[in-house]
Amino acid sequence: MHVILGAGGPVSNALAKELLQTGETVRLVSRRQITTNGKATWVYADLKNYAQVLAAVQGATIIYLCAGLRYDKKVWATEWPLIMQNLINAAKATGARLIFFDNVYMYGHVPGPMTEDTPFNPSSKKGEIRARIADNLMAEAKTGNINATIARAADFYGAESLNSFYDGMVLAKYAKKQKAMWLGNPNSKHSFTYIPDAGKAMYLLGQHPESSNQIWHVPTAPALTGHEFINLAAKVYNTPPKFTKVNKLMLQTLGLFNKAVGETAELYYQYQYDYIFNSDKFEQAFGVKPTPYADGVQQVSQTLFKPA
């Protein structure tokens, strides 16, 4: 049985779809009730409560940790280490494989492509926290205490939650024929992982036990400049490629009124400099290719953010 912790989010939903399409039995775990059908069931669990976590993963062969926490470094500092330790303990108790969906904050600013071998050099509080929990997880895997895998993705797009700045500040805007906004330097290159590709990657890692106890970058198309992303989106939505640049000072000012926006400021380096995510290892190992941006944005325009 496959157990998805933090169900209801974009990657969780994409993963669940892949599993259910192939006839797998899936248990969705979250604090918010989820309507299910077929071979999917939902159970309540607070990931900070070990007893609830352990009960939720009973019978699991694979546990997928896809949780997202409130975007607040104080919350992250308190809750992420606790959640990760609970999952490590649960994996030890059940013998289930653990696959953790992660981001790239721990790398910090990387002057070149980010790979699975990129050393941790966090330049933000959130990056320090992600580095600590990733180190904790892989240390347990290396000593043979658990069977664990980390799947990392770049910034994502293709999620109706609008948590991605490309979704919310460009695609959703152009769908309404509004002026877009670009975060950071539009001349810098940036990588975005398409949500369906992330879900497929998590599914494939679960299907291949030989991928265990490693770090994998999920399939992500080659980076483009901000201007290229803007022009691509404008073409799909048949609208002028007009946009406003959002700099760090604007983020900090907006953060005085919106805490979530303010929390983004410490990661501004990701948008000021090139942010190039390399997924060659995964692509070569599994023989898959990421969805080209033009195809992904076209699909988004037909499903999530349809033209007004």
Protein backbone atom coordinates (compact mmCIF):
# COMPACT_ATOMS: atom_id res chain seq x y z
CA MET A 1 0.00 0.00 0.00
CA HIS A 2 1.13 3.53 -0.82
CA VAL A 3 0.67 6.19 1.85
CA ILE A 4 0.90 9.88 0.91
CA LEU A 5 1.52 12.26 3.81
CA GLY A 6 0.55 15.86 3.22
CA ALA A 7 -2.16 14.83 0.75
CA GLY A 8 -4.15 17.49 -1.05
CA GLY A 9 -1.23 19.55 -2.37
CA PRO A 10 -0.22 19.83 -6.03
CA VAL A 11 2.52 17.17 -6.01
CA SER A 12 0.51 14.87 -3.73
CA ASN A 13 -2.44 15.06 -6.12
CA ALA A 14 -0.27 14.38 -9.16
CA LEU A 15 1.34 11.41 -7.42
CA ALA A 16 -2.01 10.01 -6.29
CA LYS A 17 -3.31 10.26 -9.85
CA GLU A 18 -0.35 8.26 -11.16
CA LEU A 19 -0.77 5.57 -8.51
CA LEU A 20 -4.52 5.22 -8.94
CA GLN A 21 -4.25 5.06 -12.74
CA THR A 22 -2.09 1.97 -12.35
CA GLY A 23 -4.44 0.30 -9.87
CA GLU A 24 -2.41 0.85 -6.70
CA THR A 25 -4.07 1.09 -3.28
CA VAL A 26 -3.52 4.58 -1.86
CA ARG A 27 -4.04 6.06 1.58
CA LEU A 28 -4.19 9.86 1.68
CA VAL A 29 -3.13 11.41 4.98
CA SER A 30 -3.77 15.02 5.95
CA ARG A 31 -5.48 17.21 8.53
CA ARG A 32 -7.98 18.39 5.94
CA GLN A 33 -10.57 15.86 4.79
CA ILE A 34 -10.26 14.73 1.19
CA THR A 35 -13.07 13.23 -0.88
CA THR A 36 -11.90 9.90 -2.28
CA ASN A 37 -13.04 7.22 -4.68
CA GLY A 38 -11.82 3.92 -6.06
CA LYS A 39 -8.80 2.50 -4.28
CA ALA A 40 -8.07 5.68 -2.35
CA THR A 41 -8.96 6.27 1.29
CA TRP A 42 -8.37 9.27 3.55
CA VAL A 43 -7.27 9.31 7.19
CA TYR A 44 -6.60 12.19 9.53
CA ALA A 45 -3.15 12.72 11.03
CA ASP A 46 -1.17 15.64 12.35
CA LEU A 47 2.41 14.97 11.23
CA LYS A 48 3.70 16.56 14.44
CA ASN A 49 2.00 13.80 16.44
CA TYR A 50 4.02 10.59 16.27
CA ALA A 51 1.21 8.32 17.46
CA GLN A 52 -1.06 9.63 14.69
CA VAL A 53 1.70 9.30 12.09
CA LEU A 54 2.46 5.72 13.11
CA ALA A 55 -1.22 4.77 12.97
CA ALA A 56 -1.59 6.41 9.54
CA VAL A 57 1.30 4.49 7.97
CA GLN A 58 0.45 1.03 9.28
CA GLY A 59 0.50 -1.46 6.41
CA ALA A 60 2.44 0.84 4.10
CA THR A 61 5.08 -0.49 1.74
CA ILE A 62 6.02 3.04 0.62
CA ILE A 63 5.52 6.33 2.47
CA TYR A 64 5.68 9.55 0.45
CA LEU A 65 6.31 12.73 2.42
CA CYS A 66 4.88 15.58 0.33
CA ALA A 67 3.89 17.95 3.12
CA GLY A 68 4.03 21.70 2.89
CA LEU A 69 4.15 23.90 5.97
CA ARG A 70 3.02 27.46 6.49
CA TYR A 71 5.59 29.67 4.78
CA ASP A 72 7.15 31.01 7.96
CA LYS A 73 10.74 30.32 9.01
CA LYS A 74 9.78 30.20 12.70
CA VAL A 75 7.18 27.53 11.94
CA TRP A 76 9.68 25.64 9.79
CA ALA A 77 12.35 25.76 12.51
CA THR A 78 9.97 24.23 15.03
CA GLU A 79 7.95 21.82 12.94
CA TRP A 80 10.16 20.43 10.16
CA PRO A 81 12.74 18.71 12.42
CA LEU A 82 9.91 17.20 14.48
CA ILE A 83 8.02 15.97 11.43
CA MET A 84 11.14 14.46 9.87
CA GLN A 85 12.06 12.66 13.08
CA ASN A 86 8.52 11.31 13.35
CA LEU A 87 8.76 9.95 9.81
CA ILE A 88 12.18 8.43 10.41
CA ASN A 89 10.84 6.69 13.50
CA ALA A 90 7.75 5.52 11.62
CA ALA A 91 9.91 4.13 8.80
CA LYS A 92 11.99 2.24 11.33
CA ALA A 93 8.88 0.87 13.05
CA THR A 94 7.15 -0.30 9.86
CA GLY A 95 10.05 -1.10 7.54
CA ALA A 96 8.39 0.93 4.78
CA ARG A 97 10.39 2.85 2.22
CA LEU A 98 10.31 6.62 2.72
CA ILE A 99 10.41 9.03 -0.23
CA PHE A 100 10.72 12.71 0.67
CA PHE A 101 9.73 15.42 -1.81
CA ASP A 102 12.21 18.24 -1.24
CA ASN A 103 13.26 21.59 -2.70
CA VAL A 104 16.64 23.23 -3.40
CA TYR A 105 16.84 25.84 -0.65
CA MET A 106 19.76 24.05 1.02
CA TYR A 107 22.02 24.63 -1.99
CA GLY A 108 21.93 28.40 -1.63
CA HIS A 109 23.19 30.45 -4.59
CA VAL A 110 24.87 28.08 -7.05
CA PRO A 111 26.95 29.70 -9.83
CA GLY A 112 26.17 26.95 -12.31
CA PRO A 113 23.89 23.91 -12.61
CA MET A 114 22.48 22.37 -9.44
CA THR A 115 23.02 18.60 -9.38
CA GLU A 116 22.49 15.88 -6.80
CA ASP A 117 26.15 16.33 -5.80
CA THR A 118 25.91 20.08 -5.21
CA PRO A 119 27.15 20.77 -1.65
CA PHE A 120 24.86 22.43 0.84
CA ASN A 121 25.57 26.13 1.26
CA PRO A 122 22.30 27.66 2.46
CA SER A 123 21.98 31.44 2.41
CA SER A 124 18.58 31.59 4.11
CA LYS A 125 17.03 30.37 7.35
CA LYS A 126 14.68 28.12 5.42
CA GLY A 127 17.65 26.69 3.53
CA GLU A 128 19.44 25.92 6.79
CA ILE A 129 16.38 24.05 8.05
CA ARG A 130 16.00 22.05 4.84
CA ALA A 131 19.70 21.16 4.93
CA ARG A 132 19.40 19.92 8.50
CA ILE A 133 16.41 17.65 7.90
CA ALA A 134 17.85 16.28 4.64
CA ASP A 135 21.13 15.48 6.39
CA ASN A 136 19.23 13.78 9.19
CA LEU A 137 17.24 11.64 6.77
CA MET A 138 20.18 10.55 4.62
CA ALA A 139 22.37 9.84 7.66
CA GLU A 140 19.77 7.30 8.79
CA ALA A 141 19.68 5.81 5.29
CA LYS A 142 23.47 5.56 5.02
CA THR A 143 23.72 3.69 8.32
CA GLY A 144 21.05 1.24 7.15
CA ASN A 145 18.47 2.21 9.75
CA ILE A 146 15.87 3.03 7.11
CA ASN A 147 15.29 2.85 3.38
CA ALA A 148 14.96 6.48 2.23
CA THR A 149 15.05 8.54 -0.94
CA ILE A 150 14.99 12.29 -1.55
CA ALA A 151 13.35 13.69 -4.69
CA ARG A 152 14.16 17.33 -5.33
CA ALA A 153 12.41 19.74 -7.66
CA ALA A 154 12.98 23.29 -8.83
CA ASP A 155 10.33 25.98 -8.44
CA PHE A 156 7.21 24.46 -9.90
CA TYR A 157 4.38 25.51 -12.21
CA GLY A 158 1.05 24.02 -13.18
CA ALA A 159 -0.67 24.18 -9.78
CA GLU A 160 -4.05 25.81 -9.23
CA SER A 161 -2.96 26.79 -5.70
CA LEU A 162 -1.02 29.73 -7.22
CA ASN A 163 1.89 29.00 -4.87
CA SER A 164 4.24 29.21 -7.86
CA PHE A 165 5.15 32.73 -8.89
CA TYR A 166 5.09 31.75 -12.58
CA ASP A 167 1.55 30.46 -12.15
CA GLY A 168 0.27 33.34 -10.08
CA MET A 169 2.23 36.31 -11.41
CA VAL A 170 2.41 35.41 -15.10
CA LEU A 171 0.06 32.65 -16.33
CA ALA A 172 -2.97 33.57 -14.22
CA LYS A 173 -2.45 37.25 -15.10
CA TYR A 174 -2.20 36.65 -18.84
CA ALA A 175 -5.26 34.40 -18.69
CA LYS A 176 -7.18 37.51 -17.56
CA LYS A 177 -5.40 39.74 -20.11
CA GLN A 178 -3.68 41.58 -17.25
CA LYS A 179 -0.12 42.80 -17.01
CA ALA A 180 2.24 40.15 -15.64
CA MET A 181 4.89 40.51 -12.95
CA TRP A 182 8.34 38.94 -12.97
CA LEU A 183 10.16 38.28 -9.74
CA GLY A 184 13.84 39.26 -9.93
CA ASN A 185 16.08 39.73 -12.94
CA PRO A 186 14.32 38.82 -16.23
CA ASN A 187 17.71 38.40 -17.90
CA SER A 188 18.68 35.58 -15.53
CA LYS A 189 17.87 31.97 -16.32
CA HIS A 190 15.42 30.01 -14.21
CA SER A 191 14.20 26.42 -14.06
CA PHE A 192 10.62 25.36 -13.35
CA THR A 193 9.43 21.80 -12.70
CA TYR A 194 6.04 20.93 -14.21
CA ILE A 195 3.79 19.47 -11.50
CA PRO A 196 2.68 16.40 -13.53
CA ASP A 197 6.36 15.60 -14.17
CA ALA A 198 7.04 15.77 -10.42
CA GLY A 199 4.14 13.41 -9.69
CA LYS A 200 5.34 10.96 -12.35
CA ALA A 201 8.87 11.09 -10.94
CA MET A 202 7.69 10.30 -7.42
CA TYR A 203 5.68 7.39 -8.83
CA LEU A 204 8.70 6.01 -10.72
CA LEU A 205 10.93 6.25 -7.66
CA GLY A 206 8.35 4.24 -5.74
CA GLN A 207 8.24 1.60 -8.46
CA HIS A 208 12.02 1.15 -8.52
CA PRO A 209 13.51 0.02 -5.21
CA GLU A 210 17.00 0.23 -6.71
CA SER A 211 16.61 4.03 -6.58
CA SER A 212 16.56 3.94 -2.79
CA ASN A 213 19.01 5.68 -0.46
CA GLN A 214 19.87 8.28 -3.08
CA ILE A 215 19.00 11.85 -4.00
CA TRP A 216 17.25 12.45 -7.32
CA HIS A 217 16.45 15.65 -9.20
CA VAL A 218 13.06 15.16 -10.87
CA PRO A 219 12.79 15.79 -14.63
CA THR A 220 12.86 19.52 -15.34
CA ALA A 221 13.21 21.26 -18.70
CA PRO A 222 16.34 23.34 -19.40
CA ALA A 223 16.31 26.82 -17.87
CA LEU A 224 15.08 29.84 -19.81
CA THR A 225 15.45 33.55 -19.13
CA GLY A 226 12.61 35.49 -17.58
CA HIS A 227 12.06 37.27 -20.89
CA GLU A 228 11.74 33.89 -22.64
CA PHE A 229 9.18 32.69 -20.09
CA ILE A 230 7.21 35.92 -20.47
CA ASN A 231 7.20 35.72 -24.27
CA LEU A 232 6.25 32.05 -24.21
CA ALA A 233 3.28 32.70 -21.93
CA ALA A 234 2.17 35.76 -23.90
CA LYS A 235 2.17 33.73 -27.11
CA VAL A 236 0.08 30.95 -25.59
CA TYR A 237 -2.43 33.42 -24.16
CA ASN A 238 -2.36 35.66 -27.24
CA THR A 239 -1.66 38.78 -25.21
CA PRO A 240 1.10 41.44 -25.30
CA PRO A 241 4.20 40.40 -23.29
CA LYS A 242 3.86 43.27 -20.83
CA PHE A 243 5.20 42.85 -17.32
CA THR A 244 6.48 44.68 -14.26
CA LYS A 245 9.71 43.71 -12.55
CA VAL A 246 9.44 42.96 -8.82
CA ASN A 247 12.71 43.68 -6.99
CA LYS A 248 13.81 42.84 -3.45
CA LEU A 249 12.85 46.23 -2.02
CA MET A 250 9.33 45.81 -3.39
CA LEU A 251 9.14 42.35 -1.79
CA GLN A 252 10.28 43.70 1.55
CA THR A 253 7.80 46.56 1.37
CA LEU A 254 4.93 44.25 0.44
CA GLY A 255 6.07 41.98 3.25
CA LEU A 256 5.11 44.64 5.78
CA PHE A 257 1.50 43.96 4.84
CA ASN A 258 1.71 40.31 3.75
CA LYS A 259 3.91 38.02 5.84
CA ALA A 260 4.04 35.26 3.22
CA VAL A 261 5.41 37.74 0.66
CA GLY A 262 7.93 39.04 3.19
CA GLU A 263 9.15 35.49 3.82
CA THR A 264 10.16 35.27 0.15
CA ALA A 265 12.67 38.09 0.44
CA GLU A 266 15.43 35.94 2.00
CA LEU A 267 15.31 33.74 -1.11
CA TYR A 268 15.52 36.61 -3.58
CA TYR A 269 18.92 35.36 -4.75
CA GLN A 270 17.07 32.59 -6.60
CA TYR A 271 15.48 35.20 -8.85
CA GLN A 272 18.35 37.67 -9.05
CA TYR A 273 20.90 35.18 -10.40
CA ASP A 274 20.79 32.17 -12.69
CA TYR A 275 18.88 29.27 -11.11
CA ILE A 276 19.72 26.24 -13.22
CA PHE A 277 18.41 22.85 -12.14
CA ASN A 278 19.92 19.73 -13.72
CA SER A 279 17.97 16.45 -13.87
CA ASP A 280 20.26 14.40 -16.13
CA LYS A 281 20.71 11.63 -13.54
CA PHE A 282 16.98 10.90 -13.38
CA GLU A 283 16.38 11.27 -17.10
CA GLN A 284 19.17 8.85 -17.97
CA ALA A 285 18.32 6.31 -15.26
CA PHE A 286 14.61 6.14 -16.08
CA GLY A 287 14.63 7.03 -19.77
CA VAL A 288 12.20 9.92 -19.37
CA LYS A 289 12.20 13.51 -20.55
CA PRO A 290 10.60 16.55 -18.90
CA THR A 291 7.64 18.27 -20.50
CA PRO A 292 8.87 21.18 -22.66
CA TYR A 293 7.77 24.55 -21.27
CA ALA A 294 5.74 25.39 -24.38
CA ASP A 295 3.75 22.16 -23.99
CA GLY A 296 3.34 22.59 -20.23
CA VAL A 297 2.08 26.17 -20.50
CA GLN A 298 -0.27 25.15 -23.32
CA GLN A 299 -1.71 22.42 -21.10
CA VAL A 300 -2.08 24.87 -18.20
CA SER A 301 -3.96 27.27 -20.48
CA GLN A 302 -6.45 24.50 -21.30
CA THR A 303 -6.98 23.27 -17.74
CA LEU A 304 -6.02 25.55 -14.85
CA PHE A 305 -5.86 29.10 -16.16
CA LYS A 306 -8.09 29.28 -19.18
CA PRO A 307 -8.14 32.53 -21.19
CA ALA A 308 -10.88 34.95 -20.17
